[in-house]
Amino acid sequence: MVRSNEWGIDLIAILNCCGHILFRQRSDMDNQPHNPLHGATLQHIVECLADHYGWAELGHLIPIRCFTHDPSVASSLKFLRRTPWARAKVEALYVETWWRSRGGQA
């Protein structure tokens, strides 16, 4: 679905993993059409994975302390922003869970 905002900018509707509709500028989507992480913030990724799997299962799938010991979105974001290898694992799980399950549609 495409619609224009009050300034005449074309927006594209995207259904995210939580079932919410997000609107992105068409030009933003044209720049990286095949990047499944384009437009997804790290906070959004962590929240969606925690909602989908739960902290216990998420800690089992990716055994890092921020998921297994007193987990929270804030502590996870702090750790993942400073630890590239852990962030890569979380992003890979997000892509595997949401993007591929939808047939490769962002």
C-alpha atoms as a PDB file:
ATOM      1  CA  MET A   1       0.000   0.000   0.000  1.00  0.00           C
ATOM      2  CA  VAL A   2       1.346   3.404  -0.937  1.00  0.00           C
ATOM      3  CA  ARG A   3       0.000   6.685   0.373  1.00  0.00           C
ATOM      4  CA  SER A   4       1.217  10.276   0.524  1.00  0.00           C
ATOM      5  CA  ASN A   5       1.618  12.296   3.689  1.00  0.00           C
ATOM      6  CA  GLU A   6       0.657  15.979   4.039  1.00  0.00           C
ATOM      7  CA  TRP A   7       3.910  17.047   2.336  1.00  0.00           C
ATOM      8  CA  GLY A   8       3.335  14.856  -0.715  1.00  0.00           C
ATOM      9  CA  ILE A   9       5.991  12.271   0.171  1.00  0.00           C
ATOM     10  CA  ASP A  10       5.071   8.754  -0.931  1.00  0.00           C
ATOM     11  CA  LEU A  11       5.010   6.290   1.971  1.00  0.00           C
ATOM     12  CA  ILE A  12       5.005   2.497   1.755  1.00  0.00           C
ATOM     13  CA  ALA A  13       3.145   0.428   4.354  1.00  0.00           C
ATOM     14  CA  ILE A  14       5.118  -2.428   5.904  1.00  0.00           C
ATOM     15  CA  LEU A  15       3.702  -4.998   8.300  1.00  0.00           C
ATOM     16  CA  ASN A  16       6.311  -5.632  10.993  1.00  0.00           C
ATOM     17  CA  CYS A  17       6.756  -8.792  13.033  1.00  0.00           C
ATOM     18  CA  CYS A  18       4.514  -7.532  15.838  1.00  0.00           C
ATOM     19  CA  GLY A  19       1.624  -6.966  13.439  1.00  0.00           C
ATOM     20  CA  HIS A  20       1.955  -3.165  13.409  1.00  0.00           C
ATOM     21  CA  ILE A  21       1.887  -1.231  10.170  1.00  0.00           C
ATOM     22  CA  LEU A  22       4.925   0.989   9.684  1.00  0.00           C
ATOM     23  CA  PHE A  23       5.200   3.620   6.998  1.00  0.00           C
ATOM     24  CA  ARG A  24       8.559   4.245   5.324  1.00  0.00           C
ATOM     25  CA  GLN A  25       9.458   6.728   2.631  1.00  0.00           C
ATOM     26  CA  ARG A  26       9.445   5.134  -0.780  1.00  0.00           C
ATOM     27  CA  SER A  27      12.910   6.557  -1.508  1.00  0.00           C
ATOM     28  CA  ASP A  28      14.269   4.847   1.648  1.00  0.00           C
ATOM     29  CA  MET A  29      12.896   1.489   0.517  1.00  0.00           C
ATOM     30  CA  ASP A  30      14.255   1.922  -3.012  1.00  0.00           C
ATOM     31  CA  ASN A  31      17.817   2.382  -1.722  1.00  0.00           C
ATOM     32  CA  GLN A  32      18.079  -1.062  -0.098  1.00  0.00           C
ATOM     33  CA  PRO A  33      15.270  -3.252  -1.429  1.00  0.00           C
ATOM     34  CA  HIS A  34      16.956  -6.576  -0.602  1.00  0.00           C
ATOM     35  CA  ASN A  35      18.250  -5.744   2.879  1.00  0.00           C
ATOM     36  CA  PRO A  36      15.927  -7.470   5.395  1.00  0.00           C
ATOM     37  CA  LEU A  37      17.300  -5.354   8.254  1.00  0.00           C
ATOM     38  CA  HIS A  38      16.688  -2.030   6.515  1.00  0.00           C
ATOM     39  CA  GLY A  39      14.430   0.097   8.712  1.00  0.00           C
ATOM     40  CA  ALA A  40      14.556  -2.271  11.693  1.00  0.00           C
ATOM     41  CA  THR A  41      16.178  -0.765  14.774  1.00  0.00           C
ATOM     42  CA  LEU A  42      18.084  -2.926  17.212  1.00  0.00           C
ATOM     43  CA  GLN A  43      15.449  -2.184  19.847  1.00  0.00           C
ATOM     44  CA  HIS A  44      12.703  -3.361  17.501  1.00  0.00           C
ATOM     45  CA  ILE A  45      14.651  -6.543  16.729  1.00  0.00           C
ATOM     46  CA  VAL A  46      15.214  -7.392  20.408  1.00  0.00           C
ATOM     47  CA  GLU A  47      11.586  -6.637  21.360  1.00  0.00           C
ATOM     48  CA  CYS A  48      10.202  -8.771  18.527  1.00  0.00           C
ATOM     49  CA  LEU A  49      12.470 -11.715  19.328  1.00  0.00           C
ATOM     50  CA  ALA A  50      11.691 -11.482  23.064  1.00  0.00           C
ATOM     51  CA  ASP A  51       7.956 -11.352  22.323  1.00  0.00           C
ATOM     52  CA  HIS A  52       8.136 -14.241  19.885  1.00  0.00           C
ATOM     53  CA  TYR A  53      10.449 -16.625  21.740  1.00  0.00           C
ATOM     54  CA  GLY A  54      10.417 -15.348  25.320  1.00  0.00           C
ATOM     55  CA  TRP A  55      13.622 -14.566  27.204  1.00  0.00           C
ATOM     56  CA  ALA A  56      14.262 -18.168  28.288  1.00  0.00           C
ATOM     57  CA  GLU A  57      14.106 -19.570  24.751  1.00  0.00           C
ATOM     58  CA  LEU A  58      16.017 -16.604  23.364  1.00  0.00           C
ATOM     59  CA  GLY A  59      18.751 -17.283  25.923  1.00  0.00           C
ATOM     60  CA  HIS A  60      18.797 -20.917  24.830  1.00  0.00           C
ATOM     61  CA  LEU A  61      19.055 -20.021  21.123  1.00  0.00           C
ATOM     62  CA  ILE A  62      21.703 -17.344  21.686  1.00  0.00           C
ATOM     63  CA  PRO A  63      23.465 -18.103  24.979  1.00  0.00           C
ATOM     64  CA  ILE A  64      24.595 -14.653  26.058  1.00  0.00           C
ATOM     65  CA  ARG A  65      24.306 -13.350  29.591  1.00  0.00           C
ATOM     66  CA  CYS A  66      21.987 -10.431  28.762  1.00  0.00           C
ATOM     67  CA  PHE A  67      19.357 -12.993  27.648  1.00  0.00           C
ATOM     68  CA  THR A  68      19.886 -15.546  30.427  1.00  0.00           C
ATOM     69  CA  HIS A  69      20.466 -13.547  33.638  1.00  0.00           C
ATOM     70  CA  ASP A  70      17.873 -10.913  34.591  1.00  0.00           C
ATOM     71  CA  PRO A  71      17.082 -10.081  30.937  1.00  0.00           C
ATOM     72  CA  SER A  72      15.672  -6.765  29.809  1.00  0.00           C
ATOM     73  CA  VAL A  73      15.540  -4.841  26.573  1.00  0.00           C
ATOM     74  CA  ALA A  74      17.722  -2.058  28.015  1.00  0.00           C
ATOM     75  CA  SER A  75      20.517  -4.372  29.197  1.00  0.00           C
ATOM     76  CA  SER A  76      20.400  -6.308  25.943  1.00  0.00           C
ATOM     77  CA  LEU A  77      20.690  -3.140  23.853  1.00  0.00           C
ATOM     78  CA  LYS A  78      23.627  -1.916  25.925  1.00  0.00           C
ATOM     79  CA  PHE A  79      25.486  -5.203  25.460  1.00  0.00           C
ATOM     80  CA  LEU A  80      24.602  -5.733  21.791  1.00  0.00           C
ATOM     81  CA  ARG A  81      25.658  -2.221  20.782  1.00  0.00           C
ATOM     82  CA  ARG A  82      29.137  -2.863  22.187  1.00  0.00           C
ATOM     83  CA  THR A  83      29.528  -6.473  21.035  1.00  0.00           C
ATOM     84  CA  PRO A  84      29.480  -6.936  17.238  1.00  0.00           C
ATOM     85  CA  TRP A  85      29.578 -10.764  17.245  1.00  0.00           C
ATOM     86  CA  ALA A  86      26.532 -10.966  19.545  1.00  0.00           C
ATOM     87  CA  ARG A  87      24.642  -8.354  17.545  1.00  0.00           C
ATOM     88  CA  ALA A  88      25.328 -10.336  14.371  1.00  0.00           C
ATOM     89  CA  LYS A  89      23.825 -13.463  15.949  1.00  0.00           C
ATOM     90  CA  VAL A  90      20.711 -11.566  17.063  1.00  0.00           C
ATOM     91  CA  GLU A  91      20.263  -9.982  13.638  1.00  0.00           C
ATOM     92  CA  ALA A  92      20.709 -13.376  11.962  1.00  0.00           C
ATOM     93  CA  LEU A  93      18.028 -14.914  14.194  1.00  0.00           C
ATOM     94  CA  TYR A  94      15.697 -12.018  13.397  1.00  0.00           C
ATOM     95  CA  VAL A  95      16.212 -12.484   9.665  1.00  0.00           C
ATOM     96  CA  GLU A  96      15.706 -16.244   9.976  1.00  0.00           C
ATOM     97  CA  THR A  97      12.578 -15.834  12.108  1.00  0.00           C
ATOM     98  CA  TRP A  98      10.755 -13.013  10.344  1.00  0.00           C
ATOM     99  CA  TRP A  99      12.123 -12.321   6.916  1.00  0.00           C
ATOM    100  CA  ARG A 100      12.565 -15.853   5.643  1.00  0.00           C
ATOM    101  CA  SER A 101       9.306 -17.063   7.216  1.00  0.00           C
ATOM    102  CA  ARG A 102       7.491 -14.501   5.062  1.00  0.00           C
ATOM    103  CA  GLY A 103       8.993 -15.844   1.869  1.00  0.00           C
ATOM    104  CA  GLY A 104      11.790 -13.292   1.685  1.00  0.00           C
ATOM    105  CA  GLN A 105       9.466 -10.308   1.769  1.00  0.00           C
ATOM    106  CA  ALA A 106      10.613  -7.375   3.857  1.00  0.00           C
END
